[in-house]
Amino acid sequence: MTSRELSTNDAVSPVFATLLIIFLSIILISILATVLIGFEIPEQAPIVGISIGHQDDVITVTHLNGEMLTKGSYKILVDGVDKTDEFGADCNLCPGMTLQLDVESADIMAVSVVYIGTNGGETVLALKNFT
């Protein structure tokens, strides 16, 4: 009687293991297909050190260290408005360079430097809130 009970219980384990392997295979194939088809590897932003300052009526953006930012690959926003041309940023921004903007109002809320990738994506490199 004991041998009969063992044989019926042994049959459940292989069936369960087979179903589990099939289920896990389907899950792994689905994840792999989603990764390969649906996602694009994002472009990495350059690693830079940028200092933003605001004193009296002058905003300064200083590139302290890191990679050079080529012309057109970055923009400088003052309160969300692109002011890159007003900063005189019609050149590459290299370490050691400082750009300045004279502003009429001392009520500046925020200044940011944004990297523009080759695929059109944007990454904030530096942000300074003045509130």
C-alpha atoms as a PDB file:
ATOM      1  CA  MET A   1       0.000   0.000   0.000  1.00  0.00           C
ATOM      2  CA  THR A   2       2.859   2.319   0.674  1.00  0.00           C
ATOM      3  CA  SER A   3       4.406   1.822  -2.750  1.00  0.00           C
ATOM      4  CA  ARG A   4       1.131   2.752  -4.453  1.00  0.00           C
ATOM      5  CA  GLU A   5       0.905   6.093  -2.605  1.00  0.00           C
ATOM      6  CA  LEU A   6       4.451   7.001  -3.589  1.00  0.00           C
ATOM      7  CA  SER A   7       3.862   6.319  -7.263  1.00  0.00           C
ATOM      8  CA  THR A   8       0.792   8.602  -7.449  1.00  0.00           C
ATOM      9  CA  ASN A   9       2.571  11.427  -5.622  1.00  0.00           C
ATOM     10  CA  ASP A  10       5.674  11.103  -7.796  1.00  0.00           C
ATOM     11  CA  ALA A  11       3.680  11.780 -10.959  1.00  0.00           C
ATOM     12  CA  VAL A  12       2.683  15.274  -9.842  1.00  0.00           C
ATOM     13  CA  SER A  13       6.215  16.569  -9.471  1.00  0.00           C
ATOM     14  CA  PRO A  14       7.404  16.092 -13.112  1.00  0.00           C
ATOM     15  CA  VAL A  15       4.206  17.624 -14.518  1.00  0.00           C
ATOM     16  CA  PHE A  16       4.508  20.616 -12.241  1.00  0.00           C
ATOM     17  CA  ALA A  17       8.186  21.067 -13.123  1.00  0.00           C
ATOM     18  CA  THR A  18       7.442  20.893 -16.852  1.00  0.00           C
ATOM     19  CA  LEU A  19       4.694  23.514 -16.599  1.00  0.00           C
ATOM     20  CA  LEU A  20       6.973  25.733 -14.528  1.00  0.00           C
ATOM     21  CA  ILE A  21       9.780  25.527 -17.107  1.00  0.00           C
ATOM     22  CA  ILE A  22       7.355  26.371 -19.943  1.00  0.00           C
ATOM     23  CA  PHE A  23       5.958  29.319 -17.993  1.00  0.00           C
ATOM     24  CA  LEU A  24       9.407  30.697 -17.160  1.00  0.00           C
ATOM     25  CA  SER A  25      10.527  30.284 -20.786  1.00  0.00           C
ATOM     26  CA  ILE A  26       7.550  32.302 -22.037  1.00  0.00           C
ATOM     27  CA  ILE A  27       8.236  35.067 -19.502  1.00  0.00           C
ATOM     28  CA  LEU A  28      11.937  35.271 -20.405  1.00  0.00           C
ATOM     29  CA  ILE A  29      11.215  35.329 -24.155  1.00  0.00           C
ATOM     30  CA  SER A  30       8.664  38.116 -23.636  1.00  0.00           C
ATOM     31  CA  ILE A  31      11.108  40.212 -21.636  1.00  0.00           C
ATOM     32  CA  LEU A  32      13.885  39.687 -24.164  1.00  0.00           C
ATOM     33  CA  ALA A  33      11.613  40.608 -27.081  1.00  0.00           C
ATOM     34  CA  THR A  34      10.470  43.775 -25.303  1.00  0.00           C
ATOM     35  CA  VAL A  35      14.037  44.861 -24.592  1.00  0.00           C
ATOM     36  CA  LEU A  36      15.317  44.188 -28.103  1.00  0.00           C
ATOM     37  CA  ILE A  37      12.365  45.629 -30.002  1.00  0.00           C
ATOM     38  CA  GLY A  38      10.845  48.311 -27.815  1.00  0.00           C
ATOM     39  CA  PHE A  39      13.702  50.198 -26.223  1.00  0.00           C
ATOM     40  CA  GLU A  40      16.479  52.332 -27.593  1.00  0.00           C
ATOM     41  CA  ILE A  41      19.665  52.880 -25.633  1.00  0.00           C
ATOM     42  CA  PRO A  42      19.664  56.524 -24.531  1.00  0.00           C
ATOM     43  CA  GLU A  43      22.571  58.774 -25.417  1.00  0.00           C
ATOM     44  CA  GLN A  44      24.817  59.616 -22.510  1.00  0.00           C
ATOM     45  CA  ALA A  45      25.197  63.267 -21.579  1.00  0.00           C
ATOM     46  CA  PRO A  46      28.716  64.633 -21.148  1.00  0.00           C
ATOM     47  CA  ILE A  47      30.185  64.812 -17.677  1.00  0.00           C
ATOM     48  CA  VAL A  48      30.847  68.438 -16.826  1.00  0.00           C
ATOM     49  CA  GLY A  49      31.195  70.733 -13.847  1.00  0.00           C
ATOM     50  CA  ILE A  50      29.286  73.978 -14.300  1.00  0.00           C
ATOM     51  CA  SER A  51      28.863  76.840 -11.864  1.00  0.00           C
ATOM     52  CA  ILE A  52      25.981  79.294 -12.205  1.00  0.00           C
ATOM     53  CA  GLY A  53      26.012  82.589 -10.361  1.00  0.00           C
ATOM     54  CA  HIS A  54      23.857  85.705 -10.124  1.00  0.00           C
ATOM     55  CA  GLN A  55      25.108  88.880  -8.554  1.00  0.00           C
ATOM     56  CA  ASP A  56      23.612  92.337  -9.002  1.00  0.00           C
ATOM     57  CA  ASP A  57      22.355  92.319 -12.594  1.00  0.00           C
ATOM     58  CA  VAL A  58      24.834  89.796 -14.024  1.00  0.00           C
ATOM     59  CA  ILE A  59      24.349  86.059 -14.507  1.00  0.00           C
ATOM     60  CA  THR A  60      27.523  83.998 -14.976  1.00  0.00           C
ATOM     61  CA  VAL A  61      27.873  80.466 -16.292  1.00  0.00           C
ATOM     62  CA  THR A  62      31.339  78.977 -15.775  1.00  0.00           C
ATOM     63  CA  HIS A  63      32.496  75.667 -17.216  1.00  0.00           C
ATOM     64  CA  LEU A  64      34.737  74.373 -14.432  1.00  0.00           C
ATOM     65  CA  ASN A  65      35.843  70.964 -15.720  1.00  0.00           C
ATOM     66  CA  GLY A  66      34.883  67.973 -17.804  1.00  0.00           C
ATOM     67  CA  GLU A  67      34.110  67.557 -21.456  1.00  0.00           C
ATOM     68  CA  MET A  68      33.876  70.398 -23.942  1.00  0.00           C
ATOM     69  CA  LEU A  69      30.328  71.313 -25.018  1.00  0.00           C
ATOM     70  CA  THR A  70      30.251  71.995 -28.743  1.00  0.00           C
ATOM     71  CA  LYS A  71      28.299  74.882 -30.228  1.00  0.00           C
ATOM     72  CA  GLY A  72      24.678  73.862 -30.684  1.00  0.00           C
ATOM     73  CA  SER A  73      24.899  70.956 -28.238  1.00  0.00           C
ATOM     74  CA  TYR A  74      23.840  73.072 -25.265  1.00  0.00           C
ATOM     75  CA  LYS A  75      21.510  75.897 -24.378  1.00  0.00           C
ATOM     76  CA  ILE A  76      21.242  78.228 -21.414  1.00  0.00           C
ATOM     77  CA  LEU A  77      17.759  78.820 -20.041  1.00  0.00           C
ATOM     78  CA  VAL A  78      16.817  81.742 -17.813  1.00  0.00           C
ATOM     79  CA  ASP A  79      13.439  81.119 -16.195  1.00  0.00           C
ATOM     80  CA  GLY A  80      12.750  78.537 -18.895  1.00  0.00           C
ATOM     81  CA  VAL A  81      13.515  80.888 -21.813  1.00  0.00           C
ATOM     82  CA  ASP A  82      16.441  80.127 -24.138  1.00  0.00           C
ATOM     83  CA  LYS A  83      18.997  82.928 -23.686  1.00  0.00           C
ATOM     84  CA  THR A  84      21.996  81.149 -25.235  1.00  0.00           C
ATOM     85  CA  ASP A  85      22.595  83.812 -27.889  1.00  0.00           C
ATOM     86  CA  GLU A  86      22.373  86.628 -25.335  1.00  0.00           C
ATOM     87  CA  PHE A  87      25.147  84.951 -23.320  1.00  0.00           C
ATOM     88  CA  GLY A  88      27.349  85.106 -26.405  1.00  0.00           C
ATOM     89  CA  ALA A  89      27.509  81.324 -26.554  1.00  0.00           C
ATOM     90  CA  ASP A  90      28.183  81.105 -30.278  1.00  0.00           C
ATOM     91  CA  CYS A  91      31.240  78.915 -29.657  1.00  0.00           C
ATOM     92  CA  ASN A  92      32.316  75.732 -27.945  1.00  0.00           C
ATOM     93  CA  LEU A  93      32.085  75.902 -24.168  1.00  0.00           C
ATOM     94  CA  CYS A  94      35.424  74.660 -22.827  1.00  0.00           C
ATOM     95  CA  PRO A  95      36.695  74.232 -19.271  1.00  0.00           C
ATOM     96  CA  GLY A  96      37.781  77.560 -17.829  1.00  0.00           C
ATOM     97  CA  MET A  97      35.334  79.641 -19.915  1.00  0.00           C
ATOM     98  CA  THR A  98      32.823  81.996 -18.311  1.00  0.00           C
ATOM     99  CA  LEU A  99      29.780  83.391 -20.093  1.00  0.00           C
ATOM    100  CA  GLN A 100      27.933  86.443 -18.776  1.00  0.00           C
ATOM    101  CA  LEU A 101      24.541  88.000 -19.306  1.00  0.00           C
ATOM    102  CA  ASP A 102      23.483  91.429 -18.096  1.00  0.00           C
ATOM    103  CA  VAL A 103      19.859  91.285 -17.000  1.00  0.00           C
ATOM    104  CA  GLU A 104      17.517  94.186 -16.384  1.00  0.00           C
ATOM    105  CA  SER A 105      15.626  92.502 -13.598  1.00  0.00           C
ATOM    106  CA  ALA A 106      17.066  91.036 -10.430  1.00  0.00           C
ATOM    107  CA  ASP A 107      13.990  88.796 -10.121  1.00  0.00           C
ATOM    108  CA  ILE A 108      15.559  85.760 -11.786  1.00  0.00           C
ATOM    109  CA  MET A 109      14.032  82.511 -10.520  1.00  0.00           C
ATOM    110  CA  ALA A 110      16.247  79.854 -12.149  1.00  0.00           C
ATOM    111  CA  VAL A 111      19.090  79.374 -14.625  1.00  0.00           C
ATOM    112  CA  SER A 112      19.922  76.045 -16.223  1.00  0.00           C
ATOM    113  CA  VAL A 113      22.363  74.605 -18.752  1.00  0.00           C
ATOM    114  CA  VAL A 114      20.802  71.900 -20.926  1.00  0.00           C
ATOM    115  CA  TYR A 115      22.609  69.401 -23.152  1.00  0.00           C
ATOM    116  CA  ILE A 116      20.934  68.645 -26.498  1.00  0.00           C
ATOM    117  CA  GLY A 117      21.724  65.130 -27.700  1.00  0.00           C
ATOM    118  CA  THR A 118      22.121  64.040 -31.303  1.00  0.00           C
ATOM    119  CA  ASN A 119      18.755  62.253 -31.106  1.00  0.00           C
ATOM    120  CA  GLY A 120      17.019  65.433 -29.871  1.00  0.00           C
ATOM    121  CA  GLY A 121      16.816  64.394 -26.233  1.00  0.00           C
ATOM    122  CA  GLU A 122      17.644  66.997 -23.595  1.00  0.00           C
ATOM    123  CA  THR A 123      19.465  66.568 -20.285  1.00  0.00           C
ATOM    124  CA  VAL A 124      19.861  69.219 -17.590  1.00  0.00           C
ATOM    125  CA  LEU A 125      23.580  69.537 -16.815  1.00  0.00           C
ATOM    126  CA  ALA A 126      23.297  72.277 -14.206  1.00  0.00           C
ATOM    127  CA  LEU A 127      20.419  74.060 -12.488  1.00  0.00           C
ATOM    128  CA  LYS A 128      20.497  76.948 -10.040  1.00  0.00           C
ATOM    129  CA  ASN A 129      17.359  78.227  -8.316  1.00  0.00           C
ATOM    130  CA  PHE A 130      17.549  81.755  -6.950  1.00  0.00           C
ATOM    131  CA  THR A 131      14.433  81.698  -4.779  1.00  0.00           C
END
